[in-house]
Protein backbone atom coordinates (compact mmCIF):
# COMPACT_ATOMS: atom_id res chain seq x y z
CA UNK A 1 -29.75 95.57 33.67
CA UNK A 2 -25.96 95.56 33.75
CA UNK A 3 -24.33 96.73 30.51
CA UNK A 4 -22.20 93.61 30.69
CA UNK A 5 -25.31 91.41 30.57
CA UNK A 6 -27.28 93.43 27.98
CA UNK A 7 -25.81 91.67 24.87
CA UNK A 8 -26.82 88.30 26.32
CA UNK A 9 -30.35 89.33 27.28
CA UNK A 10 -32.17 88.14 24.11
CA UNK A 11 -30.81 84.63 24.59
CA UNK A 12 -32.31 84.40 28.05
CA UNK A 13 -35.52 86.38 27.51
CA UNK A 14 -36.75 84.95 24.15
CA UNK A 15 -37.59 81.20 23.89
CA UNK A 16 -35.50 79.84 21.08
CA UNK A 17 -38.18 77.46 19.73
CA UNK A 18 -40.64 80.31 19.24
CA UNK A 19 -38.22 82.65 17.53
CA UNK A 20 -39.53 83.42 14.02
CA UNK A 21 -36.01 83.37 12.65
CA UNK A 22 -35.71 79.59 13.25
CA UNK A 23 -36.94 77.73 10.12
CA UNK A 24 -36.44 74.17 11.45
CA UNK A 25 -40.13 73.46 12.21
CA UNK A 26 -41.07 74.55 8.68
CA UNK A 27 -38.41 72.32 7.19
CA UNK A 28 -39.71 69.43 9.28
CA UNK A 29 -43.25 70.11 8.12
CA UNK A 30 -42.16 70.21 4.48
CA UNK A 31 -40.21 67.00 4.92
CA UNK A 32 -43.18 65.24 6.51
CA UNK A 33 -45.44 66.44 3.70
CA UNK A 34 -43.02 65.19 1.04
CA UNK A 35 -42.78 61.80 2.73
CA UNK A 36 -46.57 61.57 2.90
CA UNK A 37 -46.98 62.47 -0.76
CA UNK A 38 -44.25 60.02 -1.69
CA UNK A 39 -46.09 57.21 0.06
CA UNK A 40 -49.34 58.25 -1.58
CA UNK A 41 -47.90 58.58 -5.07
CA UNK A 42 -48.22 54.91 -6.14
CA UNK A 43 -51.89 54.86 -5.20
CA UNK A 44 -52.52 58.16 -6.99
CA UNK A 45 -50.61 57.02 -10.06
CA UNK A 46 -52.26 53.61 -10.36
CA UNK A 47 -54.93 53.38 -13.00
CA UNK A 48 -57.34 50.51 -12.43
CA UNK A 49 -58.84 48.61 -15.34
CA UNK A 50 -61.52 46.10 -16.20
CA UNK A 51 -60.78 43.08 -18.38
CA UNK A 52 -63.71 41.51 -20.24
CA UNK A 53 -63.51 38.23 -22.16
CA UNK A 54 -65.49 38.21 -25.42
CA UNK A 55 -66.38 34.73 -26.68
CA UNK A 56 -67.30 35.53 -30.28
CA UNK A 57 -64.58 37.92 -31.34
CA UNK A 58 -61.75 36.23 -29.41
CA UNK A 59 -60.63 39.32 -27.57
CA UNK A 60 -60.18 40.88 -24.16
CA UNK A 61 -61.64 44.37 -23.86
CA UNK A 62 -59.59 46.60 -21.53
CA UNK A 63 -61.64 49.38 -19.92
CA UNK A 64 -60.34 52.28 -17.84
CA UNK A 65 -62.15 51.92 -14.50
CA UNK A 66 -62.18 55.67 -13.85
CA UNK A 67 -63.49 56.87 -17.20
CA UNK A 68 -65.16 53.63 -18.37
CA UNK A 69 -63.58 54.18 -21.77
CA UNK A 70 -62.06 51.33 -23.78
CA UNK A 71 -58.28 51.69 -23.82
CA UNK A 72 -57.38 48.58 -25.81
CA UNK A 73 -58.74 45.41 -27.38
CA UNK A 74 -56.36 42.47 -26.96
CA UNK A 75 -56.61 39.50 -29.37
CA UNK A 76 -56.44 36.10 -27.69
CA UNK A 77 -57.12 32.44 -28.51
CA UNK A 78 -60.46 31.02 -29.58
CA UNK A 79 -63.48 31.49 -27.30
CA UNK A 80 -62.01 33.20 -24.22
CA UNK A 81 -64.06 32.68 -21.07
CA UNK A 82 -62.69 32.38 -17.52
CA UNK A 83 -60.31 35.09 -16.23
CA UNK A 84 -58.03 35.26 -13.18
CA UNK A 85 -55.43 37.78 -12.04
CA UNK A 86 -52.05 36.50 -10.88
CA UNK A 87 -51.27 37.00 -7.21
CA UNK A 88 -48.84 39.82 -7.96
CA UNK A 89 -51.47 41.38 -10.25
CA UNK A 90 -48.97 41.60 -13.09
CA UNK A 91 -50.60 38.99 -15.31
CA UNK A 92 -54.07 37.96 -16.45
CA UNK A 93 -54.78 34.28 -17.11
CA UNK A 94 -57.40 33.54 -19.77
CA UNK A 95 -59.20 30.25 -20.45
CA UNK A 96 -59.30 30.01 -24.26
CA UNK A 97 -61.82 27.18 -24.49
CA UNK A 98 -61.65 26.30 -28.18
CA UNK A 99 -57.86 26.74 -28.30
CA UNK A 100 -57.50 24.16 -25.49
CA UNK A 101 -55.01 26.14 -23.46
CA UNK A 102 -54.59 29.02 -21.01
CA UNK A 103 -52.99 32.27 -22.10
CA UNK A 104 -51.05 34.58 -19.80
CA UNK A 105 -51.36 38.27 -20.67
CA UNK A 106 -48.71 40.66 -19.40
CA UNK A 107 -50.67 43.61 -17.98
CA UNK A 108 -47.78 46.05 -18.39
CA UNK A 109 -47.69 45.57 -22.18
CA UNK A 110 -51.15 44.01 -22.72
CA UNK A 111 -49.56 41.33 -24.86
CA UNK A 112 -49.29 37.55 -24.76
CA UNK A 113 -46.56 36.48 -22.36
CA UNK A 114 -46.83 32.69 -22.64
CA UNK A 115 -49.21 29.76 -23.07
CA UNK A 116 -49.97 27.25 -20.30
CA UNK A 117 -51.37 23.74 -20.59
CA UNK A 118 -54.97 23.25 -19.54
CA UNK A 119 -56.50 20.04 -20.87
CA UNK A 120 -59.31 20.13 -23.45
CA UNK A 121 -61.99 22.83 -23.44
CA UNK A 122 -60.99 24.87 -20.38
CA UNK A 123 -63.98 27.02 -19.51
CA UNK A 124 -63.24 28.26 -16.02
CA UNK A 125 -60.67 27.83 -13.29
CA UNK A 126 -59.67 28.78 -9.75
CA UNK A 127 -56.31 29.67 -8.23
CA UNK A 128 -54.81 28.30 -5.05
CA UNK A 129 -54.45 30.98 -2.33
CA UNK A 130 -50.66 30.80 -2.56
CA UNK A 131 -50.80 31.53 -6.28
CA UNK A 132 -48.96 28.34 -7.26
CA UNK A 133 -51.67 26.31 -8.97
CA UNK A 134 -54.63 26.69 -11.30
CA UNK A 135 -57.51 24.22 -10.98
CA UNK A 136 -59.10 23.96 -14.42
CA UNK A 137 -62.41 22.40 -15.42
CA UNK A 138 -62.15 20.38 -18.64
CA UNK A 139 -65.64 19.76 -19.97
CA UNK A 140 -64.71 17.41 -22.79
CA UNK A 141 -62.92 14.75 -20.72
CA UNK A 142 -64.76 15.05 -17.37
CA UNK A 143 -61.65 15.99 -15.42
CA UNK A 144 -60.13 18.79 -13.39
CA UNK A 145 -56.57 19.59 -14.43
CA UNK A 146 -54.09 20.93 -11.90
CA UNK A 147 -51.66 23.32 -13.57
CA UNK A 148 -48.38 24.34 -11.96
CA UNK A 149 -48.19 28.05 -12.80
CA UNK A 150 -44.40 28.33 -12.62
CA UNK A 151 -43.82 25.64 -15.24
CA UNK A 152 -47.11 26.11 -17.08
CA UNK A 153 -47.65 22.35 -17.13
CA UNK A 154 -50.36 19.97 -15.94
CA UNK A 155 -49.16 18.03 -12.90
CA UNK A 156 -52.29 15.99 -12.22
CA UNK A 157 -55.78 15.23 -13.53
CA UNK A 158 -58.75 14.43 -11.29
CA UNK A 159 -61.81 12.55 -12.63
CA UNK A 160 -65.10 14.29 -11.82
CA UNK A 161 -68.73 14.15 -12.91
CA UNK A 162 -69.96 14.75 -16.44
CA UNK A 163 -69.23 18.20 -17.91
CA UNK A 164 -67.22 19.84 -15.11
CA UNK A 165 -67.84 23.56 -15.00
CA UNK A 166 -67.57 25.72 -11.88
CA UNK A 167 -64.35 25.82 -9.83
CA UNK A 168 -63.67 27.22 -6.36
CA UNK A 169 -61.00 26.90 -3.70
CA UNK A 170 -61.56 27.37 0.03
CA UNK A 171 -59.85 30.40 1.63
CA UNK A 172 -57.38 28.12 3.44
CA UNK A 173 -56.57 26.31 0.20
CA UNK A 174 -57.43 22.87 1.55
CA UNK A 175 -60.62 22.16 -0.42
CA UNK A 176 -61.33 22.35 -4.14
CA UNK A 177 -64.93 22.36 -5.33
CA UNK A 178 -65.95 21.47 -8.87
CA UNK A 179 -69.49 21.44 -10.25
CA UNK A 180 -70.51 18.95 -12.94
CA UNK A 181 -73.31 20.19 -15.15
CA UNK A 182 -74.81 16.91 -16.38
CA UNK A 183 -74.33 15.08 -13.07
CA UNK A 184 -75.81 18.05 -11.15
CA UNK A 185 -73.32 17.68 -8.33
CA UNK A 186 -70.74 19.68 -6.42
CA UNK A 187 -67.61 17.60 -5.93
CA UNK A 188 -65.34 18.21 -2.93
CA UNK A 189 -61.66 17.46 -3.58
CA UNK A 190 -58.81 17.35 -1.04
CA UNK A 191 -56.19 19.80 -2.32
CA UNK A 192 -53.31 17.83 -0.79
CA UNK A 193 -54.20 14.32 -1.97
CA UNK A 194 -56.14 15.35 -5.10
CA UNK A 195 -58.79 12.81 -4.10
CA UNK A 196 -62.54 13.39 -4.22
CA UNK A 197 -63.95 13.22 -0.68
CA UNK A 198 -67.65 13.99 -1.25
CA UNK A 199 -70.25 14.69 -3.92
CA UNK A 200 -73.34 16.75 -3.14
CA UNK A 201 -76.50 16.76 -5.27
CA UNK A 202 -77.53 20.32 -6.19
CA UNK A 203 -79.85 21.96 -8.73
CA UNK A 204 -79.87 21.03 -12.41
CA UNK A 205 -76.83 22.14 -14.43
CA UNK A 206 -74.67 23.79 -11.75
CA UNK A 207 -72.51 26.52 -13.26
CA UNK A 208 -70.59 28.27 -10.50
CA UNK A 209 -69.30 27.83 -6.94
CA UNK A 210 -68.22 30.46 -4.41
CA UNK A 211 -66.93 30.05 -0.86
CA UNK A 212 -67.84 32.45 1.91
CA UNK A 213 -64.85 34.29 3.41
CA UNK A 214 -64.82 32.05 6.50
CA UNK A 215 -64.83 28.91 4.37
CA UNK A 216 -67.85 27.47 6.19
CA UNK A 217 -70.22 27.59 3.22
CA UNK A 218 -69.98 27.16 -0.52
CA UNK A 219 -72.74 28.59 -2.72
CA UNK A 220 -73.51 26.71 -5.95
CA UNK A 221 -75.68 28.15 -8.73
CA UNK A 222 -77.86 25.96 -10.96
CA UNK A 223 -78.58 27.29 -14.43
CA UNK A 224 -81.47 25.00 -15.41
CA UNK A 225 -82.64 24.60 -11.82
CA UNK A 226 -82.77 28.37 -11.48
CA UNK A 227 -81.62 28.27 -7.87
CA UNK A 228 -78.64 28.42 -5.53
CA UNK A 229 -77.68 25.65 -3.11
CA UNK A 230 -75.93 26.73 0.09
CA UNK A 231 -73.71 23.85 1.25
CA UNK A 232 -72.33 23.49 4.77
CA UNK A 233 -68.69 22.63 4.10
CA UNK A 234 -67.89 20.52 7.22
CA UNK A 235 -70.95 18.25 6.77
CA UNK A 236 -71.33 18.43 2.96
CA UNK A 237 -75.05 19.09 3.41
CA UNK A 238 -77.29 21.52 1.54
CA UNK A 239 -78.60 23.75 4.34
CA UNK A 240 -80.67 26.06 2.16
CA UNK A 241 -81.90 26.37 -1.42
CA UNK A 242 -82.48 29.91 -2.66
CA UNK A 243 -85.13 30.31 -5.35
CA UNK A 244 -86.04 33.33 -7.45
CA UNK A 245 -89.28 34.84 -8.70
CA UNK A 246 -89.48 38.01 -10.77
CA UNK A 247 -92.88 39.47 -11.69
CA UNK A 248 -93.42 39.38 -15.45
CA UNK A 249 -90.34 37.24 -16.11
CA UNK A 250 -90.86 33.61 -17.22
CA UNK A 251 -89.44 31.11 -14.74
CA UNK A 252 -87.48 29.27 -17.45
CA UNK A 253 -85.44 32.41 -18.19
CA UNK A 254 -84.29 32.73 -14.57
CA UNK A 255 -80.97 30.89 -14.85
CA UNK A 256 -78.54 31.31 -11.96
CA UNK A 257 -74.89 31.53 -13.04
CA UNK A 258 -72.22 33.82 -11.54
CA UNK A 259 -72.06 34.48 -7.78
CA UNK A 260 -70.14 37.22 -5.96
CA UNK A 261 -70.24 37.76 -2.20
CA UNK A 262 -69.70 41.32 -0.93
CA UNK A 263 -66.48 42.23 0.86
CA UNK A 264 -68.28 42.48 4.22
CA UNK A 265 -69.98 39.12 3.64
CA UNK A 266 -73.47 40.50 4.16
CA UNK A 267 -74.77 40.31 0.59
CA UNK A 268 -74.51 37.83 -2.26
CA UNK A 269 -75.05 38.90 -5.86
CA UNK A 270 -76.29 36.22 -8.27
CA UNK A 271 -76.36 36.71 -12.04
CA UNK A 272 -79.63 35.36 -13.47
CA UNK A 273 -78.68 34.95 -17.13
CA UNK A 274 -81.53 35.54 -19.63
CA UNK A 275 -83.67 37.07 -16.86
CA UNK A 276 -81.36 40.10 -17.29
CA UNK A 277 -81.26 40.61 -13.55
CA UNK A 278 -78.80 40.37 -10.68
CA UNK A 279 -80.39 39.11 -7.47
CA UNK A 280 -79.22 40.66 -4.19
CA UNK A 281 -79.40 38.19 -1.30
CA UNK A 282 -79.02 38.66 2.45
CA UNK A 283 -76.45 36.02 3.39
CA UNK A 284 -77.76 35.74 6.96
CA UNK A 285 -81.41 35.07 6.07
CA UNK A 286 -80.96 33.80 2.47
CA UNK A 287 -83.76 36.15 1.45
CA UNK A 288 -83.71 38.02 -1.86
CA UNK A 289 -83.60 41.73 -1.10
CA UNK A 290 -83.74 43.14 -4.60
CA UNK A 291 -83.47 42.41 -8.31
CA UNK A 292 -81.29 44.76 -10.36
CA UNK A 293 -82.05 45.13 -14.07
CA UNK A 294 -78.83 44.85 -16.09
CA UNK A 295 -77.93 43.90 -19.68
CA UNK A 296 -79.13 40.86 -21.59
CA UNK A 297 -77.95 37.40 -20.49
CA UNK A 298 -75.79 38.45 -17.57
CA UNK A 299 -73.08 35.87 -16.94
CA UNK A 300 -70.26 36.74 -14.59
CA UNK A 301 -69.29 39.66 -12.37
CA UNK A 302 -66.48 41.17 -10.34
CA UNK A 303 -66.06 43.82 -7.64
CA UNK A 304 -63.81 46.85 -7.65
CA UNK A 305 -60.92 46.63 -5.17
CA UNK A 306 -62.87 48.62 -2.57
CA UNK A 307 -66.02 46.55 -3.06
CA UNK A 308 -68.19 49.59 -3.78
CA UNK A 309 -68.81 48.78 -7.44
CA UNK A 310 -69.86 45.55 -9.14
CA UNK A 311 -69.39 44.99 -12.87
CA UNK A 312 -71.35 42.46 -14.96
CA UNK A 313 -70.62 40.85 -18.33
CA UNK A 314 -73.80 40.73 -20.42
CA UNK A 315 -73.49 38.17 -23.21
CA UNK A 316 -76.27 39.15 -25.59
CA UNK A 317 -76.37 42.93 -25.24
CA UNK A 318 -72.56 43.00 -25.66
CA UNK A 319 -72.04 45.34 -22.77
CA UNK A 320 -71.01 45.64 -19.14
CA UNK A 321 -73.32 46.98 -16.43
CA UNK A 322 -71.94 49.04 -13.54
CA UNK A 323 -73.64 48.57 -10.17
CA UNK A 324 -73.32 51.01 -7.25
CA UNK A 325 -73.13 48.51 -4.37
CA UNK A 326 -73.86 50.80 -1.37
CA UNK A 327 -77.01 52.12 -3.08
CA UNK A 328 -77.88 48.87 -4.93
CA UNK A 329 -78.53 50.54 -8.24
CA UNK A 330 -77.30 50.19 -11.81
CA UNK A 331 -75.58 53.42 -12.85
CA UNK A 332 -74.15 52.79 -16.32
CA UNK A 333 -73.87 50.45 -19.30
CA UNK A 334 -70.55 50.17 -21.15
CA UNK A 335 -70.32 48.58 -24.64
CA UNK A 336 -67.54 45.97 -24.95
CA UNK A 337 -66.91 43.10 -27.40
CA UNK A 338 -69.08 40.37 -28.88
CA UNK A 339 -70.64 37.96 -26.35
CA UNK A 340 -68.84 39.03 -23.16
CA UNK A 341 -68.57 36.13 -20.72
CA UNK A 342 -66.27 37.07 -17.85
CA UNK A 343 -65.01 40.26 -16.22
CA UNK A 344 -62.12 40.90 -13.84
CA UNK A 345 -61.15 44.11 -12.04
CA UNK A 346 -57.43 44.76 -11.82
CA UNK A 347 -54.58 47.25 -12.14
């Protein structure tokens, strides 16, 4: 090699990208890792909670979803029942039945933010998919109130059957369903016109309604009838009635109330009240696959965000049961307040 070229040799003979002295790839790797952790941080920092309404002590029990420890008990109006999260998951709406209004709880401070109108004796409600309206069942005056969430005021009232109870809204927001306990009907209401378009006879004392994710069916539970009616939404026809039979359990104690359909749509979970069981139903065949023993007088339920856990509010045993959904087994009981009625999973 020529002496004149020797000083330049390393530049031509050693690939620059593989030279150990160049730290750029390491800096890039560190930068990528920091960006990844930054994106992951909100999810890692978020602590999920369960909110349980307790009828007798007029409180909401707040439970840490990871530890299942009570973190706070929030006082609310008389006889809290139905619960719904706001669309931005920053507020919890509570039906305070004997106070005749709806309370909005700020989840950041766990304190009362404001009071919304509801009509008399609001027991349960449903929210429009766009998060603008609450559809509230008012048992005492046989009406459904439509509440504008932004203003907190009732903008319309729709006459229904006697003792309106369950409320549901179709996934597209076009259909409202209300169940009337004494009339034993599911009423279909046009969300645009606020007019009733059909009434379907179901089991005695219907308590709850739940749409399937595709909006083609609505499932209605009957407390006294002890069954679930599956209604075809386009035709307003009952296409199947699901009944329950539990060895050693009197038929009169099998009272169907809350219904939750799994995230994949394959299973429906039905709370059976004083039977102290949750029925697991195959949504394709309508066959009961299993009965899960939970607390006493199981009322309503909610899934974790990932759908892998189901939580039940048990009104007489004053606790919440935790169900492992993939394995269909009850894994824990968590004491809460007096006469828990509803449960919601949230941030």
